[in-house]
Each structure stands twice: as C-alpha cells, then as structure tokens.
C-alpha cells in the first residue's frame, strides 16, 4: 500500500515499474508525490518531484547508474517537476513532456503553485512517444487539472501513468483559470475509451480497476453540477454559500480547493448558458 511506503524507498510495482515516494505529504499531495521509474536496462523517470535533496538522492539510488533516456513531466506543478533540473544535470537526460505555461491567478491559488523554472528540452503532443529497451511511453493529452496535463501510456504493461488527472485517494483539483471543468470531463471520457489494465497516479495507491473509478469520477462531477443547478434554481448564491451547503464537514484546509472546483463548474455551466452571475452572486437561467 502507498500509505505504508516510507519515503525514499524504491519499490518495484511490476517488472518495468519502480516507485519512489517523495517526503512532501500534505492535504493536497496525500502521502507525497510518487516518482515512477520505467525500464530495466535503460530508464525513463516520470515526475521527478520537488527539489528535495533527499528525494533526489533516493531517485539516483534507484537509477543505480543505469542510463536515463528521458525525464518525463505530466504537468509542472511545484510538487511534480522541480526535481527535473538537477536530475537532468546528473544523468544528462533530456526533460520532455508537458508544455510550459504561465498562469495568472488572482489571490493565492488553492492548488500547488507552478514551477516557474520548468523548461523542457522537448514538448510532447498527444500521441508522441519516447522509448528505450523493452518500453515505450506515449503521451496522452488529459487537460483539466491543468491545461498542459499529460498522462503517459506504457503499452508493454497496458499501464497508464495518470499524474494528477486520476488518483485513487481523491478527485483532482480543478482550479481556474488554468484548470477547466469542461476539459477535465472530456479527458475522463477519453480515458473511458481505453482499456488500460492499471493506473499509476502521481499521488496515492495504484488503480487496479481504472474504468470503474473513471466512471465514478464522471458521476461524482455530474452530481456536483446537479447540486449547483438545484441551489441556483431557488435563489442566487455566492461560491462561499455553495461550498458551505455542498461540502458539509469538509477539512478546513481543503475549503479553498472546494471553492475553486465550484468556480470551475460555474464557469463551465456559464459557457453552456445554464447559469449567470452578477457581482459575486450566481443564479440559474
């Protein structure tokens, strides 16, 4: 179980996949960011994690001197990509993956801040691939949590590294303006068309029945959308009002993230002309 895994320990999940847990547990990262190492004789490293010296040393120990063909990044939040710079220096591997983006957010963002130093050597588009001896990693565009989010399919194991798009311990935070609920739902629908055997997320335990989980996540988001529409059909509400009514008993540390998710739903509903707003208050149409 990921919850039982100590940080800095390389755990073999299957012949082509090894996991190293970073020491950055929090309300948003669960037990911490999981760096995945793919391959046997030559390697790829997915999401090298925060710029933490202990985690960097643990990843290097797991690499054990083997050549690294690529350092892949699902998205450049501060808990996923900063470790790439030093790892690239120590392994001479290129940094590849999501495109760098700059997002302006009013106030303090509820989700992890972006890694402003992220500068990939190669940006992967949907369907692009990197490969080594006995493994291939193919990029799958899954925007929603962030506009640039990628998952990586490993066809040799029928596995998917799902980053923060799908996790077993919680639903992904969708925080506008970079996070987009319409894109997030479309990306979940995209995954339903696939037959991956297992997901390895950026946080939390591996997902052994991914299709079932994805269907549940779609249902959960549609349920939240329905709650919003029912509330706004009776009277105008602010986002704070809606969070208080929809997330009863929520951990106070996650109230900000809940508000961002409600906003993401509202913006999606506004585009679909189902709600409107005046000042801080939203109402149904």
C-alpha atoms as a PDB file:
ATOM      1  CA  UNK A   1       0.000   0.000   0.000  1.00  0.00           C
ATOM      2  CA  UNK A   2       1.238   3.513  -0.814  1.00  0.00           C
ATOM      3  CA  UNK A   3       0.100   4.657   2.657  1.00  0.00           C
ATOM      4  CA  UNK A   4       2.562   2.204   4.205  1.00  0.00           C
ATOM      5  CA  UNK A   5       5.507   3.080   1.967  1.00  0.00           C
ATOM      6  CA  UNK A   6       8.289   5.053   3.644  1.00  0.00           C
ATOM      7  CA  UNK A   7       9.742   7.944   1.700  1.00  0.00           C
ATOM      8  CA  UNK A   8      12.959   7.407  -0.203  1.00  0.00           C
ATOM      9  CA  UNK A   9      12.486   3.652  -0.697  1.00  0.00           C
ATOM     10  CA  UNK A  10      12.428   2.188  -4.216  1.00  0.00           C
ATOM     11  CA  UNK A  11       9.508  -0.233  -4.560  1.00  0.00           C
ATOM     12  CA  UNK A  12       9.159  -2.490  -7.598  1.00  0.00           C
ATOM     13  CA  UNK A  13       5.489  -2.451  -8.623  1.00  0.00           C
ATOM     14  CA  UNK A  14       5.952  -4.733 -11.639  1.00  0.00           C
ATOM     15  CA  UNK A  15       8.964  -5.674 -13.785  1.00  0.00           C
ATOM     16  CA  UNK A  16       9.021  -2.396 -15.737  1.00  0.00           C
ATOM     17  CA  UNK A  17       7.852  -0.011 -12.982  1.00  0.00           C
ATOM     18  CA  UNK A  18       9.525   1.200  -9.780  1.00  0.00           C
ATOM     19  CA  UNK A  19       8.136   3.862  -7.438  1.00  0.00           C
ATOM     20  CA  UNK A  20       9.925   6.271  -5.080  1.00  0.00           C
ATOM     21  CA  UNK A  21       7.816   8.389  -2.700  1.00  0.00           C
ATOM     22  CA  UNK A  22       8.883  11.976  -2.005  1.00  0.00           C
ATOM     23  CA  UNK A  23       8.761  13.391   1.566  1.00  0.00           C
ATOM     24  CA  UNK A  24       6.162  16.071   0.778  1.00  0.00           C
ATOM     25  CA  UNK A  25       2.931  14.751   2.299  1.00  0.00           C
ATOM     26  CA  UNK A  26       0.164  17.350   2.718  1.00  0.00           C
ATOM     27  CA  UNK A  27      -3.571  17.861   2.425  1.00  0.00           C
ATOM     28  CA  UNK A  28      -3.088  18.304  -1.326  1.00  0.00           C
ATOM     29  CA  UNK A  29      -0.387  15.687  -2.016  1.00  0.00           C
ATOM     30  CA  UNK A  30      -1.698  12.863   0.239  1.00  0.00           C
ATOM     31  CA  UNK A  31       1.314  10.720   1.239  1.00  0.00           C
ATOM     32  CA  UNK A  32       3.562  12.643  -1.179  1.00  0.00           C
ATOM     33  CA  UNK A  33       4.498  12.818  -4.838  1.00  0.00           C
ATOM     34  CA  UNK A  34       5.332   9.493  -6.449  1.00  0.00           C
ATOM     35  CA  UNK A  35       8.228   9.389  -8.892  1.00  0.00           C
ATOM     36  CA  UNK A  36       7.969   6.420 -11.243  1.00  0.00           C
ATOM     37  CA  UNK A  37      10.973   4.826 -12.924  1.00  0.00           C
ATOM     38  CA  UNK A  38      10.277   2.804 -16.082  1.00  0.00           C
ATOM     39  CA  UNK A  39      12.582   0.190 -17.622  1.00  0.00           C
ATOM     40  CA  UNK A  40      15.211  -2.347 -16.674  1.00  0.00           C
ATOM     41  CA  UNK A  41      18.491  -1.706 -18.510  1.00  0.00           C
ATOM     42  CA  UNK A  42      17.791   1.852 -19.616  1.00  0.00           C
ATOM     43  CA  UNK A  43      15.202   4.064 -17.972  1.00  0.00           C
ATOM     44  CA  UNK A  44      12.683   6.858 -18.036  1.00  0.00           C
ATOM     45  CA  UNK A  45      11.828   8.863 -14.928  1.00  0.00           C
ATOM     46  CA  UNK A  46       8.267  10.232 -14.657  1.00  0.00           C
ATOM     47  CA  UNK A  47       7.614  13.277 -12.438  1.00  0.00           C
ATOM     48  CA  UNK A  48      10.910  13.661 -10.547  1.00  0.00           C
ATOM     49  CA  UNK A  49       9.075  15.535  -7.810  1.00  0.00           C
ATOM     50  CA  UNK A  50      10.018  18.535  -5.680  1.00  0.00           C
ATOM     51  CA  UNK A  51      13.520  19.986  -5.466  1.00  0.00           C
ATOM     52  CA  UNK A  52      14.278  17.987  -2.330  1.00  0.00           C
ATOM     53  CA  UNK A  53      17.858  16.720  -1.826  1.00  0.00           C
ATOM     54  CA  UNK A  54      16.781  13.551  -0.007  1.00  0.00           C
ATOM     55  CA  UNK A  55      14.295  12.622  -2.737  1.00  0.00           C
ATOM     56  CA  UNK A  56      16.856  13.362  -5.438  1.00  0.00           C
ATOM     57  CA  UNK A  57      19.354  11.053  -3.708  1.00  0.00           C
ATOM     58  CA  UNK A  58      16.700   8.319  -3.413  1.00  0.00           C
ATOM     59  CA  UNK A  59      15.835   8.561  -7.119  1.00  0.00           C
ATOM     60  CA  UNK A  60      19.527   8.390  -8.068  1.00  0.00           C
ATOM     61  CA  UNK A  61      19.934   5.333  -5.842  1.00  0.00           C
ATOM     62  CA  UNK A  62      17.008   3.648  -7.606  1.00  0.00           C
ATOM     63  CA  UNK A  63      18.504   4.503 -11.009  1.00  0.00           C
ATOM     64  CA  UNK A  64      21.711   2.785  -9.833  1.00  0.00           C
ATOM     65  CA  UNK A  65      23.908   4.124 -12.595  1.00  0.00           C
ATOM     66  CA  UNK A  66      21.741   2.935 -15.475  1.00  0.00           C
ATOM     67  CA  UNK A  67      21.321   5.295 -18.443  1.00  0.00           C
ATOM     68  CA  UNK A  68      18.243   7.546 -18.305  1.00  0.00           C
ATOM     69  CA  UNK A  69      16.736   8.183 -21.738  1.00  0.00           C
ATOM     70  CA  UNK A  70      14.226  10.809 -20.657  1.00  0.00           C
ATOM     71  CA  UNK A  71      12.806  12.674 -17.670  1.00  0.00           C
ATOM     72  CA  UNK A  72       9.061  12.995 -18.294  1.00  0.00           C
ATOM     73  CA  UNK A  73       6.760  15.544 -16.675  1.00  0.00           C
ATOM     74  CA  UNK A  74       2.953  15.224 -16.546  1.00  0.00           C
ATOM     75  CA  UNK A  75       2.459  18.875 -15.517  1.00  0.00           C
ATOM     76  CA  UNK A  76       4.657  21.498 -13.930  1.00  0.00           C
ATOM     77  CA  UNK A  77       3.157  21.996 -10.520  1.00  0.00           C
ATOM     78  CA  UNK A  78       5.790  22.573  -7.868  1.00  0.00           C
ATOM     79  CA  UNK A  79       5.384  19.081  -6.395  1.00  0.00           C
ATOM     80  CA  UNK A  80       5.999  17.311  -9.721  1.00  0.00           C
ATOM     81  CA  UNK A  81       8.640  18.981 -11.889  1.00  0.00           C
ATOM     82  CA  UNK A  82      11.316  20.994  -9.989  1.00  0.00           C
ATOM     83  CA  UNK A  83      13.474  17.919  -9.386  1.00  0.00           C
ATOM     84  CA  UNK A  84      13.928  17.580 -13.143  1.00  0.00           C
ATOM     85  CA  UNK A  85      16.656  20.222 -13.386  1.00  0.00           C
ATOM     86  CA  UNK A  86      19.129  18.564 -11.044  1.00  0.00           C
ATOM     87  CA  UNK A  87      18.251  15.072 -12.273  1.00  0.00           C
ATOM     88  CA  UNK A  88      18.959  16.181 -15.849  1.00  0.00           C
ATOM     89  CA  UNK A  89      22.308  17.579 -14.743  1.00  0.00           C
ATOM     90  CA  UNK A  90      23.270  14.329 -13.012  1.00  0.00           C
ATOM     91  CA  UNK A  91      22.054  11.929 -15.726  1.00  0.00           C
ATOM     92  CA  UNK A  92      22.442  14.010 -18.931  1.00  0.00           C
ATOM     93  CA  UNK A  93      18.853  13.024 -19.793  1.00  0.00           C
ATOM     94  CA  UNK A  94      16.534  15.431 -21.622  1.00  0.00           C
ATOM     95  CA  UNK A  95      13.450  16.842 -19.898  1.00  0.00           C
ATOM     96  CA  UNK A  96      10.380  16.067 -22.005  1.00  0.00           C
ATOM     97  CA  UNK A  97       6.639  16.228 -21.539  1.00  0.00           C
ATOM     98  CA  UNK A  98       4.074  18.961 -20.971  1.00  0.00           C
ATOM     99  CA  UNK A  99       4.392  22.413 -22.463  1.00  0.00           C
ATOM    100  CA  UNK A 100       5.413  25.266 -20.143  1.00  0.00           C
ATOM    101  CA  UNK A 101       2.611  27.724 -19.445  1.00  0.00           C
ATOM    102  CA  UNK A 102       2.280  30.896 -17.397  1.00  0.00           C
ATOM    103  CA  UNK A 103      -0.963  31.330 -15.485  1.00  0.00           C
ATOM    104  CA  UNK A 104      -2.129  34.478 -13.741  1.00  0.00           C
ATOM    105  CA  UNK A 105      -4.383  33.722 -10.755  1.00  0.00           C
ATOM    106  CA  UNK A 106      -5.995  36.413  -8.638  1.00  0.00           C
ATOM    107  CA  UNK A 107      -5.195  35.919  -4.982  1.00  0.00           C
ATOM    108  CA  UNK A 108      -3.458  32.876  -3.555  1.00  0.00           C
ATOM    109  CA  UNK A 109      -4.094  29.725  -5.630  1.00  0.00           C
ATOM    110  CA  UNK A 110      -5.612  26.806  -3.720  1.00  0.00           C
ATOM    111  CA  UNK A 111      -3.630  24.203  -5.644  1.00  0.00           C
ATOM    112  CA  UNK A 112       0.147  23.742  -5.765  1.00  0.00           C
ATOM    113  CA  UNK A 113       1.964  26.658  -7.387  1.00  0.00           C
ATOM    114  CA  UNK A 114       3.546  26.278 -10.804  1.00  0.00           C
ATOM    115  CA  UNK A 115       7.245  25.589 -11.251  1.00  0.00           C
ATOM    116  CA  UNK A 116       8.400  28.807 -12.918  1.00  0.00           C
ATOM    117  CA  UNK A 117      11.806  27.297 -13.814  1.00  0.00           C
ATOM    118  CA  UNK A 118      10.344  24.426 -15.823  1.00  0.00           C
ATOM    119  CA  UNK A 119      11.945  24.449 -19.309  1.00  0.00           C
ATOM    120  CA  UNK A 120      11.582  21.167 -21.235  1.00  0.00           C
ATOM    121  CA  UNK A 121      14.017  20.165 -23.945  1.00  0.00           C
ATOM    122  CA  UNK A 122      11.121  18.671 -25.901  1.00  0.00           C
ATOM    123  CA  UNK A 123       7.371  19.212 -25.615  1.00  0.00           C
ATOM    124  CA  UNK A 124       5.254  16.123 -26.267  1.00  0.00           C
ATOM    125  CA  UNK A 125       1.950  16.407 -28.113  1.00  0.00           C
ATOM    126  CA  UNK A 126      -0.857  13.873 -27.872  1.00  0.00           C
ATOM    127  CA  UNK A 127       0.435  10.604 -29.355  1.00  0.00           C
ATOM    128  CA  UNK A 128       4.150  11.477 -29.222  1.00  0.00           C
ATOM    129  CA  UNK A 129       6.407   8.839 -27.690  1.00  0.00           C
ATOM    130  CA  UNK A 130       9.802   8.177 -26.146  1.00  0.00           C
ATOM    131  CA  UNK A 131      11.248   4.689 -25.911  1.00  0.00           C
ATOM    132  CA  UNK A 132      14.052   2.539 -24.587  1.00  0.00           C
ATOM    133  CA  UNK A 133      14.944  -1.134 -24.386  1.00  0.00           C
ATOM    134  CA  UNK A 134      11.674  -3.003 -23.866  1.00  0.00           C
ATOM    135  CA  UNK A 135       9.500   0.034 -23.105  1.00  0.00           C
ATOM    136  CA  UNK A 136       7.602   2.837 -24.802  1.00  0.00           C
ATOM    137  CA  UNK A 137       5.907   5.821 -23.173  1.00  0.00           C
ATOM    138  CA  UNK A 138       3.237   7.513 -25.284  1.00  0.00           C
ATOM    139  CA  UNK A 139       1.802  10.909 -24.320  1.00  0.00           C
ATOM    140  CA  UNK A 140      -1.928  11.218 -23.822  1.00  0.00           C
ATOM    141  CA  UNK A 141      -3.261  14.780 -23.555  1.00  0.00           C
ATOM    142  CA  UNK A 142      -5.527  14.962 -20.480  1.00  0.00           C
ATOM    143  CA  UNK A 143      -6.186  18.659 -19.800  1.00  0.00           C
ATOM    144  CA  UNK A 144      -8.440  19.706 -16.960  1.00  0.00           C
ATOM    145  CA  UNK A 145      -6.405  19.705 -13.749  1.00  0.00           C
ATOM    146  CA  UNK A 146      -4.052  21.925 -15.741  1.00  0.00           C
ATOM    147  CA  UNK A 147      -4.264  22.989 -19.371  1.00  0.00           C
ATOM    148  CA  UNK A 148      -0.999  21.216 -20.184  1.00  0.00           C
ATOM    149  CA  UNK A 149      -1.555  17.950 -18.292  1.00  0.00           C
ATOM    150  CA  UNK A 150      -0.304  14.738 -19.919  1.00  0.00           C
ATOM    151  CA  UNK A 151      -0.690  11.094 -18.969  1.00  0.00           C
ATOM    152  CA  UNK A 152       1.793   8.504 -20.255  1.00  0.00           C
ATOM    153  CA  UNK A 153       0.755   5.093 -21.553  1.00  0.00           C
ATOM    154  CA  UNK A 154       3.112   2.113 -21.214  1.00  0.00           C
ATOM    155  CA  UNK A 155       1.749  -0.361 -23.801  1.00  0.00           C
ATOM    156  CA  UNK A 156       4.188  -3.131 -22.848  1.00  0.00           C
ATOM    157  CA  UNK A 157       2.407  -3.356 -19.475  1.00  0.00           C
ATOM    158  CA  UNK A 158      -1.006  -1.997 -20.559  1.00  0.00           C
ATOM    159  CA  UNK A 159      -0.498   0.633 -17.856  1.00  0.00           C
ATOM    160  CA  UNK A 160      -1.116   4.384 -17.660  1.00  0.00           C
ATOM    161  CA  UNK A 161       0.764   6.932 -15.563  1.00  0.00           C
ATOM    162  CA  UNK A 162      -2.162   9.237 -14.830  1.00  0.00           C
ATOM    163  CA  UNK A 163      -0.403  12.079 -12.990  1.00  0.00           C
ATOM    164  CA  UNK A 164      -2.942  14.181 -11.106  1.00  0.00           C
ATOM    165  CA  UNK A 165      -5.758  13.601 -13.601  1.00  0.00           C
ATOM    166  CA  UNK A 166      -6.986  10.369 -11.967  1.00  0.00           C
ATOM    167  CA  UNK A 167      -5.961   9.377  -8.429  1.00  0.00           C
ATOM    168  CA  UNK A 168      -7.316   6.690  -6.132  1.00  0.00           C
ATOM    169  CA  UNK A 169      -7.366   8.777  -2.935  1.00  0.00           C
ATOM    170  CA  UNK A 170      -9.248  11.903  -4.122  1.00  0.00           C
ATOM    171  CA  UNK A 171     -10.633  13.675  -7.143  1.00  0.00           C
ATOM    172  CA  UNK A 172      -8.359  16.128  -8.904  1.00  0.00           C
ATOM    173  CA  UNK A 173      -8.490  19.816  -8.005  1.00  0.00           C
ATOM    174  CA  UNK A 174      -9.731  21.825 -10.999  1.00  0.00           C
ATOM    175  CA  UNK A 175      -8.755  25.447 -10.347  1.00  0.00           C
ATOM    176  CA  UNK A 176      -9.490  28.158 -12.955  1.00  0.00           C
ATOM    177  CA  UNK A 177      -8.179  29.839 -14.962  1.00  0.00           C
ATOM    178  CA  UNK A 178      -5.741  27.059 -15.840  1.00  0.00           C
ATOM    179  CA  UNK A 179      -7.967  24.253 -14.614  1.00  0.00           C
ATOM    180  CA  UNK A 180     -11.052  23.753 -16.769  1.00  0.00           C
ATOM    181  CA  UNK A 181     -14.007  21.571 -15.793  1.00  0.00           C
ATOM    182  CA  UNK A 182     -15.201  21.036 -19.356  1.00  0.00           C
ATOM    183  CA  UNK A 183     -11.729  19.854 -20.386  1.00  0.00           C
ATOM    184  CA  UNK A 184     -11.468  17.688 -17.273  1.00  0.00           C
ATOM    185  CA  UNK A 185     -14.743  15.902 -18.026  1.00  0.00           C
ATOM    186  CA  UNK A 186     -13.755  15.432 -21.680  1.00  0.00           C
ATOM    187  CA  UNK A 187     -10.422  13.934 -20.588  1.00  0.00           C
ATOM    188  CA  UNK A 188     -12.218  11.474 -18.303  1.00  0.00           C
ATOM    189  CA  UNK A 189     -14.477  10.491 -21.202  1.00  0.00           C
ATOM    190  CA  UNK A 190     -11.350   9.998 -23.312  1.00  0.00           C
ATOM    191  CA  UNK A 191      -9.956   7.543 -20.762  1.00  0.00           C
ATOM    192  CA  UNK A 192     -13.184   5.527 -20.847  1.00  0.00           C
ATOM    193  CA  UNK A 193     -12.415   4.668 -24.479  1.00  0.00           C
ATOM    194  CA  UNK A 194      -9.160   2.980 -23.412  1.00  0.00           C
ATOM    195  CA  UNK A 195      -8.568  -0.468 -21.929  1.00  0.00           C
ATOM    196  CA  UNK A 196      -5.614   0.215 -19.604  1.00  0.00           C
ATOM    197  CA  UNK A 197      -5.129  -2.545 -17.023  1.00  0.00           C
ATOM    198  CA  UNK A 198      -3.855  -0.274 -14.243  1.00  0.00           C
ATOM    199  CA  UNK A 199      -3.175   3.392 -13.476  1.00  0.00           C
ATOM    200  CA  UNK A 200      -0.124   4.635 -11.590  1.00  0.00           C
ATOM    201  CA  UNK A 201      -1.073   8.122 -10.314  1.00  0.00           C
ATOM    202  CA  UNK A 202       1.119  10.926  -9.043  1.00  0.00           C
ATOM    203  CA  UNK A 203      -0.343  10.514  -5.543  1.00  0.00           C
ATOM    204  CA  UNK A 204      -1.945   7.561  -3.808  1.00  0.00           C
ATOM    205  CA  UNK A 205      -2.245   3.860  -4.466  1.00  0.00           C
ATOM    206  CA  UNK A 206      -2.283   2.305  -7.933  1.00  0.00           C
ATOM    207  CA  UNK A 207      -5.742   1.997  -9.508  1.00  0.00           C
ATOM    208  CA  UNK A 208      -6.427  -1.662 -10.282  1.00  0.00           C
ATOM    209  CA  UNK A 209      -9.918  -1.114 -11.776  1.00  0.00           C
ATOM    210  CA  UNK A 210      -9.450   2.168 -13.630  1.00  0.00           C
ATOM    211  CA  UNK A 211     -12.571   2.093 -15.807  1.00  0.00           C
ATOM    212  CA  UNK A 212     -14.773   1.729 -12.745  1.00  0.00           C
ATOM    213  CA  UNK A 213     -13.032   4.620 -10.990  1.00  0.00           C
ATOM    214  CA  UNK A 214     -13.248   6.914 -14.027  1.00  0.00           C
ATOM    215  CA  UNK A 215     -16.974   6.229 -14.393  1.00  0.00           C
ATOM    216  CA  UNK A 216     -17.383   7.036 -10.696  1.00  0.00           C
ATOM    217  CA  UNK A 217     -15.476  10.309 -11.090  1.00  0.00           C
ATOM    218  CA  UNK A 218     -17.665  11.350 -14.002  1.00  0.00           C
ATOM    219  CA  UNK A 219     -20.754  10.539 -11.933  1.00  0.00           C
ATOM    220  CA  UNK A 220     -19.393  12.497  -8.961  1.00  0.00           C
ATOM    221  CA  UNK A 221     -18.759  15.608 -11.045  1.00  0.00           C
ATOM    222  CA  UNK A 222     -22.209  15.382 -12.651  1.00  0.00           C
ATOM    223  CA  UNK A 223     -23.699  15.063  -9.171  1.00  0.00           C
ATOM    224  CA  UNK A 224     -21.872  18.244  -8.072  1.00  0.00           C
ATOM    225  CA  UNK A 225     -23.140  20.005 -11.183  1.00  0.00           C
ATOM    226  CA  UNK A 226     -26.682  18.938 -10.310  1.00  0.00           C
ATOM    227  CA  UNK A 227     -26.279  20.257  -6.749  1.00  0.00           C
ATOM    228  CA  UNK A 228     -25.205  23.638  -8.082  1.00  0.00           C
ATOM    229  CA  UNK A 229     -28.098  23.885 -10.520  1.00  0.00           C
ATOM    230  CA  UNK A 230     -30.619  22.952  -7.809  1.00  0.00           C
ATOM    231  CA  UNK A 231     -29.231  25.564  -5.430  1.00  0.00           C
ATOM    232  CA  UNK A 232     -29.255  28.292  -8.038  1.00  0.00           C
ATOM    233  CA  UNK A 233     -32.786  27.418  -9.126  1.00  0.00           C
ATOM    234  CA  UNK A 234     -34.081  28.582  -5.722  1.00  0.00           C
ATOM    235  CA  UNK A 235     -32.077  31.786  -5.207  1.00  0.00           C
ATOM    236  CA  UNK A 236     -28.763  33.480  -6.086  1.00  0.00           C
ATOM    237  CA  UNK A 237     -25.759  32.167  -4.129  1.00  0.00           C
ATOM    238  CA  UNK A 238     -22.129  33.107  -3.695  1.00  0.00           C
ATOM    239  CA  UNK A 239     -19.443  30.461  -4.046  1.00  0.00           C
ATOM    240  CA  UNK A 240     -18.863  30.564  -0.281  1.00  0.00           C
ATOM    241  CA  UNK A 241     -22.565  29.821   0.262  1.00  0.00           C
ATOM    242  CA  UNK A 242     -22.407  26.895  -2.131  1.00  0.00           C
ATOM    243  CA  UNK A 243     -19.289  25.402  -0.546  1.00  0.00           C
ATOM    244  CA  UNK A 244     -20.919  25.567   2.899  1.00  0.00           C
ATOM    245  CA  UNK A 245     -24.015  23.757   1.629  1.00  0.00           C
ATOM    246  CA  UNK A 246     -22.317  21.239  -0.684  1.00  0.00           C
ATOM    247  CA  UNK A 247     -19.231  20.258   1.334  1.00  0.00           C
ATOM    248  CA  UNK A 248     -20.607  19.716   4.833  1.00  0.00           C
ATOM    249  CA  UNK A 249     -17.859  18.616   7.230  1.00  0.00           C
ATOM    250  CA  UNK A 250     -15.003  19.300   4.791  1.00  0.00           C
ATOM    251  CA  UNK A 251     -11.464  19.556   6.154  1.00  0.00           C
ATOM    252  CA  UNK A 252     -10.986  23.347   6.544  1.00  0.00           C
ATOM    253  CA  UNK A 253      -7.637  23.031   4.759  1.00  0.00           C
ATOM    254  CA  UNK A 254      -9.498  21.923   1.615  1.00  0.00           C
ATOM    255  CA  UNK A 255     -12.227  24.578   1.645  1.00  0.00           C
ATOM    256  CA  UNK A 256     -10.260  26.763  -0.759  1.00  0.00           C
ATOM    257  CA  UNK A 257      -9.871  23.903  -3.215  1.00  0.00           C
ATOM    258  CA  UNK A 258     -13.598  23.155  -2.960  1.00  0.00           C
ATOM    259  CA  UNK A 259     -14.329  26.762  -3.834  1.00  0.00           C
ATOM    260  CA  UNK A 260     -12.080  26.562  -6.872  1.00  0.00           C
ATOM    261  CA  UNK A 261     -13.866  23.408  -8.042  1.00  0.00           C
ATOM    262  CA  UNK A 262     -17.258  25.079  -7.605  1.00  0.00           C
ATOM    263  CA  UNK A 263     -15.983  28.021  -9.645  1.00  0.00           C
ATOM    264  CA  UNK A 264     -14.786  25.626 -12.354  1.00  0.00           C
ATOM    265  CA  UNK A 265     -18.258  24.068 -12.510  1.00  0.00           C
ATOM    266  CA  UNK A 266     -19.891  27.505 -12.643  1.00  0.00           C
ATOM    267  CA  UNK A 267     -17.675  28.696 -15.486  1.00  0.00           C
ATOM    268  CA  UNK A 268     -18.478  25.526 -17.436  1.00  0.00           C
ATOM    269  CA  UNK A 269     -22.201  25.991 -16.784  1.00  0.00           C
ATOM    270  CA  UNK A 270     -21.931  29.654 -17.779  1.00  0.00           C
ATOM    271  CA  UNK A 271     -20.383  28.698 -21.124  1.00  0.00           C
ATOM    272  CA  UNK A 272     -23.302  26.318 -21.614  1.00  0.00           C
ATOM    273  CA  UNK A 273     -25.738  29.156 -20.751  1.00  0.00           C
ATOM    274  CA  UNK A 274     -27.180  27.382 -17.740  1.00  0.00           C
ATOM    275  CA  UNK A 275     -26.142  29.961 -15.132  1.00  0.00           C
ATOM    276  CA  UNK A 276     -25.375  33.669 -14.989  1.00  0.00           C
ATOM    277  CA  UNK A 277     -23.735  35.955 -12.446  1.00  0.00           C
ATOM    278  CA  UNK A 278     -23.973  39.451 -11.058  1.00  0.00           C
ATOM    279  CA  UNK A 279     -21.112  40.516  -8.863  1.00  0.00           C
ATOM    280  CA  UNK A 280     -20.275  37.642  -6.501  1.00  0.00           C
ATOM    281  CA  UNK A 281     -23.707  36.036  -6.818  1.00  0.00           C
ATOM    282  CA  UNK A 282     -24.624  33.306  -9.279  1.00  0.00           C
ATOM    283  CA  UNK A 283     -28.121  32.334 -10.377  1.00  0.00           C
ATOM    284  CA  UNK A 284     -29.715  29.763 -12.646  1.00  0.00           C
ATOM    285  CA  UNK A 285     -31.215  30.666 -16.005  1.00  0.00           C
END
